[in-house]
Amino acid sequence: MRFHTLDGMRGIAALVVLVFHIVQQRTLAALPFAGLAVDFFYVLSGFVVAHSYEARLAGGALSLRAFAQLRFVRLYPLAFLGILLGTMLAALAAAVKGSVSPADVATAALFAFLLLPSFVFPQWPTAYPFNPAAWSLTFEALANVLFACIARWLSNAVLIAILLAGGAALAWLAYANAGISGGHEQATVLLGVPRVIFPFFAGVLLRRLPAAPGSGVLAGGGLMLVLLAVLLAPIGWGAGSSLACVVVLFPLLVWLGIANRPGPRLERAFAVIGALSYPLYITQAAVLRLGLEVVRRYSLSPAQFALFAVAEAACALALAWFAMRWFDAPVQQILRRRDQPRTAPTGARGAFA
């Protein structure tokens, strides 16, 4: 079963992340809620992974090894490409600028390809210097492994206990940091753990809840507008509001989106932006890094920056489409033939599909 509205919401969230990163080239203070798109992805991920795999994991029809292969084939090829592009740019910068050594680039690349945080460059805050978006995949993988390991024993009571503990940890994170953030920088990398547990397992819970009342095209458009309004809000409302988004609003939007049935035209549009969401999310860093060099070297007026931002976004979208069509699809086909179990479902990429 394809959840078309969830595809559209996932695509909208990925576009918000792109806009957020482009705007950050000009100012770090804008769009304070846009980073919560990752937390929305985690709710989606929990639902989609539970929908696709929970019954077979719980019944023993799908082994942990087979589950790991499925997730690897779905997520890693594009992550590899994004990290490879970032590594190549870093190596070029090391050769031209000489600010870092080739040995450090190689060491950091090793951690990057393993989806592990790197502390090789203390002069830069990021723990994922060659592809900053990869940080969320690290914690997505952690949540996937935890879910697969406990699926056989994940009763409703156990799930509620995890959500209560995860919610408490998320509340501590929100109020200790004046909002929900962390996981991507060296100083805050461990905060990715409390950040992923609640939203991911909230998505698992949504798979078990009764379906929401069915809704049509207008309701689906309303869900998109609500998500956009929250993520693109120009001001932040404090720790409590960000916590309410992740604990209440995002699960509610996903629950309503599960039951929404858009019309044929919207289904096609949602399918397109949904398919592009993960490639766009995980490969945009290379384009953004080149764009940041331009912004740093030239004093662009607001109008010039707006035009440059549109061009930058177009390049990121073009790269995402190329990566999806000419890299991910053939690589996945090869990997499926060699390694993927024949019982694998299609169309389940978790947070980023």
Protein backbone atom coordinates (compact mmCIF):
# COMPACT_ATOMS: atom_id res chain seq x y z
CA MET A 1 0.00 0.00 0.00
CA ARG A 2 1.36 3.40 -0.97
CA PHE A 3 0.77 6.36 1.33
CA HIS A 4 0.76 9.17 -1.21
CA THR A 5 0.16 12.02 1.21
CA LEU A 6 3.09 10.86 3.34
CA ASP A 7 5.22 10.93 0.19
CA GLY A 8 4.18 14.53 -0.38
CA MET A 9 4.84 15.54 3.23
CA ARG A 10 8.25 13.90 3.08
CA GLY A 11 9.06 15.80 -0.09
CA ILE A 12 7.90 19.10 1.41
CA ALA A 13 10.07 18.52 4.49
CA ALA A 14 13.11 17.76 2.30
CA LEU A 15 12.57 20.97 0.34
CA VAL A 16 12.34 22.89 3.62
CA VAL A 17 15.71 21.44 4.66
CA LEU A 18 17.22 22.66 1.38
CA VAL A 19 15.76 26.14 1.84
CA PHE A 20 16.97 26.18 5.44
CA HIS A 21 20.54 25.34 4.46
CA ILE A 22 20.58 27.92 1.67
CA VAL A 23 19.22 30.64 3.95
CA GLN A 24 21.87 29.75 6.53
CA GLN A 25 24.51 30.85 4.04
CA ARG A 26 23.19 34.37 4.58
CA THR A 27 22.09 34.26 8.22
CA LEU A 28 22.01 31.60 10.93
CA ALA A 29 19.13 33.23 12.77
CA ALA A 30 16.39 32.64 10.19
CA LEU A 31 13.88 29.77 10.17
CA PRO A 32 14.50 28.46 13.70
CA PHE A 33 11.99 25.60 13.33
CA ALA A 34 13.16 24.31 9.93
CA GLY A 35 15.65 21.94 11.56
CA LEU A 36 12.70 20.06 13.07
CA ALA A 37 12.10 18.60 9.61
CA VAL A 38 14.54 15.87 10.64
CA ASP A 39 12.37 15.04 13.65
CA PHE A 40 9.38 14.84 11.32
CA PHE A 41 11.38 12.44 9.14
CA TYR A 42 11.93 10.23 12.19
CA VAL A 43 8.18 9.94 12.83
CA LEU A 44 7.67 8.98 9.20
CA SER A 45 10.50 6.50 9.44
CA GLY A 46 9.05 4.72 12.46
CA PHE A 47 5.69 4.31 10.76
CA VAL A 48 7.03 3.16 7.38
CA VAL A 49 9.56 0.73 8.85
CA ALA A 50 6.95 -0.75 11.19
CA HIS A 51 4.43 -1.02 8.36
CA SER A 52 6.93 -2.76 6.08
CA TYR A 53 8.87 -5.01 8.44
CA GLU A 54 7.40 -5.36 11.94
CA ALA A 55 5.15 -8.36 11.30
CA ARG A 56 7.92 -10.38 9.65
CA LEU A 57 10.52 -9.40 12.23
CA ALA A 58 8.18 -10.28 15.10
CA GLY A 59 7.19 -13.58 13.48
CA GLY A 60 10.75 -14.61 12.63
CA ALA A 61 10.17 -14.58 8.87
CA LEU A 62 12.78 -11.83 8.49
CA SER A 63 16.15 -12.21 10.22
CA LEU A 64 18.16 -9.34 11.61
CA ARG A 65 20.76 -9.91 8.94
CA ALA A 66 18.18 -9.80 6.15
CA PHE A 67 16.62 -6.67 7.64
CA ALA A 68 20.04 -5.02 7.78
CA GLN A 69 20.62 -5.91 4.13
CA LEU A 70 17.30 -4.38 3.13
CA ARG A 71 18.00 -1.14 4.95
CA PHE A 72 21.56 -1.00 3.61
CA VAL A 73 20.41 -1.41 0.01
CA ARG A 74 17.73 1.24 0.42
CA LEU A 75 19.73 3.91 2.20
CA TYR A 76 23.47 3.49 1.76
CA PRO A 77 24.14 3.92 -2.00
CA LEU A 78 23.01 7.56 -2.07
CA ALA A 79 24.67 8.21 1.29
CA PHE A 80 27.88 6.83 -0.22
CA LEU A 81 27.54 9.15 -3.22
CA GLY A 82 26.92 12.20 -1.04
CA ILE A 83 29.92 11.41 1.14
CA LEU A 84 32.09 10.69 -1.91
CA LEU A 85 31.27 14.09 -3.41
CA GLY A 86 32.04 15.78 -0.10
CA THR A 87 35.32 13.89 0.24
CA MET A 88 36.38 14.90 -3.25
CA LEU A 89 35.68 18.56 -2.50
CA ALA A 90 37.57 18.29 0.79
CA ALA A 91 40.56 16.71 -0.95
CA LEU A 92 40.51 19.48 -3.56
CA ALA A 93 40.34 22.14 -0.86
CA ALA A 94 43.22 20.48 1.01
CA ALA A 95 45.33 20.51 -2.14
CA VAL A 96 44.52 24.12 -3.05
CA LYS A 97 44.34 25.78 0.38
CA GLY A 98 46.59 23.49 2.39
CA SER A 99 44.52 24.14 5.51
CA VAL A 100 44.23 20.44 6.37
CA SER A 101 46.45 17.46 5.63
CA PRO A 102 45.61 14.66 3.18
CA ALA A 103 46.01 12.19 6.05
CA ASP A 104 43.32 13.98 8.06
CA VAL A 105 41.03 14.02 5.03
CA ALA A 106 41.53 10.27 4.58
CA THR A 107 40.89 9.57 8.27
CA ALA A 108 37.74 11.68 8.33
CA ALA A 109 36.57 10.03 5.11
CA LEU A 110 36.87 6.59 6.72
CA PHE A 111 34.57 7.66 9.54
CA ALA A 112 32.21 9.32 7.06
CA PHE A 113 31.78 6.24 4.89
CA LEU A 114 31.01 4.24 8.03
CA LEU A 115 28.35 6.85 8.95
CA LEU A 116 30.22 7.59 12.16
CA PRO A 117 30.93 11.03 13.65
CA SER A 118 34.41 12.40 13.13
CA PHE A 119 36.49 14.47 15.54
CA VAL A 120 39.44 14.86 13.19
CA PHE A 121 38.87 18.58 12.61
CA PRO A 122 38.34 20.28 15.99
CA GLN A 123 38.46 23.69 14.27
CA TRP A 124 35.05 22.96 12.70
CA PRO A 125 32.00 22.25 14.87
CA THR A 126 30.41 19.64 12.61
CA ALA A 127 30.91 15.95 13.38
CA TYR A 128 30.12 15.08 9.74
CA PRO A 129 32.39 17.41 7.74
CA PHE A 130 32.04 15.78 4.33
CA ASN A 131 28.25 15.38 4.30
CA PRO A 132 26.51 17.12 7.20
CA ALA A 133 23.16 15.51 6.38
CA ALA A 134 24.59 12.06 7.15
CA TRP A 135 24.29 12.66 10.89
CA SER A 136 20.59 11.86 10.85
CA LEU A 137 21.25 8.57 9.05
CA THR A 138 23.55 7.51 11.89
CA PHE A 139 20.71 7.82 14.37
CA GLU A 140 18.13 6.47 11.94
CA ALA A 141 20.31 3.36 11.67
CA LEU A 142 20.55 3.18 15.48
CA ALA A 143 16.76 3.33 15.81
CA ASN A 144 16.35 0.71 13.09
CA VAL A 145 18.74 -1.68 14.82
CA LEU A 146 17.06 -1.19 18.17
CA PHE A 147 13.62 -1.74 16.63
CA ALA A 148 14.70 -4.90 14.80
CA CYS A 149 16.34 -6.36 17.92
CA ILE A 150 13.27 -5.92 20.11
CA ALA A 151 10.50 -6.42 17.52
CA ARG A 152 9.59 -9.86 18.87
CA TRP A 153 9.04 -8.45 22.34
CA LEU A 154 7.64 -5.05 21.40
CA SER A 155 4.23 -5.34 23.00
CA ASN A 156 2.04 -2.29 23.43
CA ALA A 157 3.15 -2.04 27.07
CA VAL A 158 6.84 -2.12 26.11
CA LEU A 159 6.25 0.41 23.35
CA ILE A 160 4.48 2.80 25.73
CA ALA A 161 7.35 2.44 28.22
CA ILE A 162 9.86 3.33 25.50
CA LEU A 163 7.79 6.34 24.50
CA LEU A 164 7.52 7.57 28.08
CA ALA A 165 11.28 7.25 28.60
CA GLY A 166 12.00 8.75 25.19
CA GLY A 167 9.57 11.60 25.81
CA ALA A 168 11.20 12.39 29.14
CA ALA A 169 14.64 12.42 27.49
CA LEU A 170 13.33 14.62 24.69
CA ALA A 171 11.80 17.05 27.20
CA TRP A 172 15.13 17.26 29.01
CA LEU A 173 16.87 17.93 25.68
CA ALA A 174 14.38 20.64 24.72
CA TYR A 175 14.53 22.55 28.00
CA ALA A 176 18.28 22.10 28.53
CA ASN A 177 19.03 23.49 25.05
CA ALA A 178 16.14 25.96 24.64
CA GLY A 179 14.79 23.81 21.83
CA ILE A 180 15.25 20.45 20.14
CA SER A 181 18.63 20.36 18.46
CA GLY A 182 21.89 18.45 18.53
CA GLY A 183 23.35 15.32 17.01
CA HIS A 184 25.27 16.89 14.15
CA GLU A 185 28.05 18.77 15.96
CA GLN A 186 31.03 17.34 17.79
CA ALA A 187 29.98 18.90 21.08
CA THR A 188 26.40 17.61 20.86
CA VAL A 189 26.67 14.36 18.92
CA LEU A 190 25.27 12.20 21.74
CA LEU A 191 22.12 14.31 21.78
CA GLY A 192 21.10 12.53 18.61
CA VAL A 193 20.10 9.53 20.74
CA PRO A 194 17.30 11.20 22.76
CA ARG A 195 16.35 13.10 19.63
CA VAL A 196 15.53 9.98 17.60
CA ILE A 197 13.99 7.56 20.12
CA PHE A 198 10.65 9.24 20.78
CA PRO A 199 9.70 10.29 17.23
CA PHE A 200 10.77 6.98 15.69
CA PHE A 201 8.81 4.85 18.15
CA ALA A 202 5.89 7.30 17.97
CA GLY A 203 5.79 6.35 14.29
CA VAL A 204 5.77 2.67 15.28
CA LEU A 205 2.80 3.38 17.55
CA LEU A 206 0.94 5.10 14.71
CA ARG A 207 1.11 1.84 12.76
CA ARG A 208 -0.90 0.19 15.55
CA LEU A 209 -3.53 2.89 16.06
CA PRO A 210 -6.96 2.78 14.41
CA ALA A 211 -7.05 4.64 11.13
CA ALA A 212 -7.93 8.32 11.14
CA PRO A 213 -11.13 9.40 9.40
CA GLY A 214 -10.64 9.39 5.66
CA SER A 215 -10.16 12.76 3.99
CA GLY A 216 -9.89 14.11 0.49
CA VAL A 217 -7.77 16.45 -1.57
CA LEU A 218 -8.45 19.61 0.40
CA ALA A 219 -7.56 17.95 3.69
CA GLY A 220 -4.27 16.69 2.24
CA GLY A 221 -3.41 20.18 1.04
CA GLY A 222 -4.23 21.48 4.50
CA LEU A 223 -1.78 19.03 6.08
CA MET A 224 0.94 20.29 3.73
CA LEU A 225 0.19 23.90 4.61
CA VAL A 226 0.30 23.20 8.35
CA LEU A 227 3.65 21.43 8.02
CA LEU A 228 5.05 24.25 5.90
CA ALA A 229 3.74 26.93 8.26
CA VAL A 230 5.41 25.30 11.25
CA LEU A 231 8.75 24.49 9.63
CA LEU A 232 9.04 27.89 7.94
CA ALA A 233 7.88 29.93 10.92
CA PRO A 234 10.17 32.99 11.05
CA ILE A 235 10.39 33.00 14.85
CA GLY A 236 10.88 30.33 17.47
CA TRP A 237 8.51 29.98 20.38
CA GLY A 238 10.85 28.30 22.86
CA ALA A 239 11.49 24.80 24.11
CA GLY A 240 7.86 24.03 24.86
CA SER A 241 6.67 24.77 21.33
CA SER A 242 9.38 22.68 19.66
CA LEU A 243 8.60 19.84 22.07
CA ALA A 244 4.89 20.12 21.26
CA CYS A 245 5.70 19.89 17.54
CA VAL A 246 7.64 16.65 17.89
CA VAL A 247 5.50 15.00 20.57
CA VAL A 248 2.03 16.05 19.38
CA LEU A 249 1.83 17.87 16.06
CA PHE A 250 4.13 15.74 13.89
CA PRO A 251 2.60 12.39 14.95
CA LEU A 252 -0.86 13.92 14.42
CA LEU A 253 0.04 15.09 10.91
CA VAL A 254 1.42 11.67 10.01
CA TRP A 255 -1.62 9.89 11.48
CA LEU A 256 -3.97 12.08 9.42
CA GLY A 257 -1.75 11.74 6.36
CA ILE A 258 -1.90 7.94 6.52
CA ALA A 259 -5.64 8.00 5.88
CA ASN A 260 -5.63 10.82 3.34
CA ARG A 261 -6.38 9.89 -0.25
CA PRO A 262 -5.42 12.68 -2.65
CA GLY A 263 -6.71 12.84 -6.20
CA PRO A 264 -4.79 11.32 -9.13
CA ARG A 265 -2.99 14.55 -10.03
CA LEU A 266 -1.80 15.12 -6.49
CA GLU A 267 -0.78 11.47 -6.23
CA ARG A 268 1.55 11.93 -9.18
CA ALA A 269 2.97 15.16 -7.79
CA PHE A 270 3.42 13.65 -4.33
CA ALA A 271 5.11 10.60 -5.86
CA VAL A 272 7.64 12.82 -7.66
CA ILE A 273 8.61 14.97 -4.69
CA GLY A 274 8.55 11.95 -2.41
CA ALA A 275 10.94 10.05 -4.68
CA LEU A 276 13.28 13.06 -4.82
CA SER A 277 13.22 13.70 -1.07
CA TYR A 278 16.00 11.35 0.02
CA PRO A 279 18.33 12.02 -2.95
CA LEU A 280 17.83 15.76 -2.38
CA TYR A 281 18.45 15.50 1.35
CA ILE A 282 21.60 13.39 1.18
CA THR A 283 23.37 14.86 -1.90
CA GLN A 284 22.71 18.60 -1.48
CA ALA A 285 25.80 19.19 0.69
CA ALA A 286 28.19 19.22 -2.28
CA VAL A 287 26.18 21.93 -4.05
CA LEU A 288 25.80 23.91 -0.84
CA ARG A 289 29.51 23.75 -0.10
CA LEU A 290 30.34 25.21 -3.51
CA GLY A 291 27.61 27.80 -3.06
CA LEU A 292 28.99 28.81 0.30
CA GLU A 293 32.37 29.49 -1.30
CA VAL A 294 30.69 31.88 -3.72
CA VAL A 295 28.78 33.65 -0.92
CA ARG A 296 31.99 34.05 1.10
CA ARG A 297 34.01 35.40 -1.80
CA TYR A 298 31.49 37.87 -3.22
CA SER A 299 29.36 40.47 -1.49
CA LEU A 300 25.95 39.70 -2.93
CA SER A 301 23.11 42.15 -2.53
CA PRO A 302 19.80 40.75 -1.24
CA ALA A 303 18.45 40.60 -4.79
CA GLN A 304 21.60 38.91 -6.08
CA PHE A 305 21.55 36.41 -3.24
CA ALA A 306 17.90 35.60 -3.97
CA LEU A 307 18.73 34.84 -7.60
CA PHE A 308 21.79 32.85 -6.56
CA ALA A 309 19.69 30.90 -4.05
CA VAL A 310 17.23 29.93 -6.78
CA ALA A 311 20.09 28.77 -9.00
CA GLU A 312 21.64 26.86 -6.12
CA ALA A 313 18.34 25.12 -5.33
CA ALA A 314 17.91 24.22 -9.00
CA CYS A 315 21.39 22.68 -9.07
CA ALA A 316 20.66 20.67 -5.91
CA LEU A 317 17.41 19.38 -7.41
CA ALA A 318 19.13 18.50 -10.69
CA LEU A 319 21.86 16.62 -8.84
CA ALA A 320 19.24 14.78 -6.78
CA TRP A 321 17.37 13.71 -9.91
CA PHE A 322 20.57 12.60 -11.63
CA ALA A 323 21.69 10.68 -8.53
CA MET A 324 18.31 8.96 -8.23
CA ARG A 325 17.98 8.08 -11.91
CA TRP A 326 21.53 7.27 -12.94
CA PHE A 327 23.20 6.13 -9.72
CA ASP A 328 20.79 4.90 -7.07
CA ALA A 329 18.44 2.95 -9.34
CA PRO A 330 21.13 0.87 -11.11
CA VAL A 331 23.16 0.34 -7.94
CA GLN A 332 20.10 -0.87 -6.05
CA GLN A 333 19.25 -3.19 -8.92
CA ILE A 334 22.72 -4.73 -8.73
CA LEU A 335 22.63 -5.06 -4.96
CA ARG A 336 19.17 -6.61 -4.97
CA ARG A 337 20.24 -9.26 -7.46
CA ARG A 338 23.27 -10.15 -5.37
CA ASP A 339 22.21 -9.77 -1.76
CA GLN A 340 18.62 -8.78 -1.13
CA PRO A 341 16.23 -11.50 0.02
CA ARG A 342 13.43 -12.26 -2.44
CA THR A 343 10.88 -11.55 0.29
CA ALA A 344 11.82 -7.87 0.38
CA PRO A 345 8.96 -5.38 0.08
CA THR A 346 9.24 -2.43 -2.27
CA GLY A 347 8.79 1.25 -1.64
CA ALA A 348 10.00 1.39 1.97
CA ARG A 349 12.88 3.75 2.62
CA GLY A 350 11.90 4.90 6.06
CA ALA A 351 12.33 8.58 6.72
CA PHE A 352 13.72 9.49 3.31
CA ALA A 353 11.85 7.98 0.38
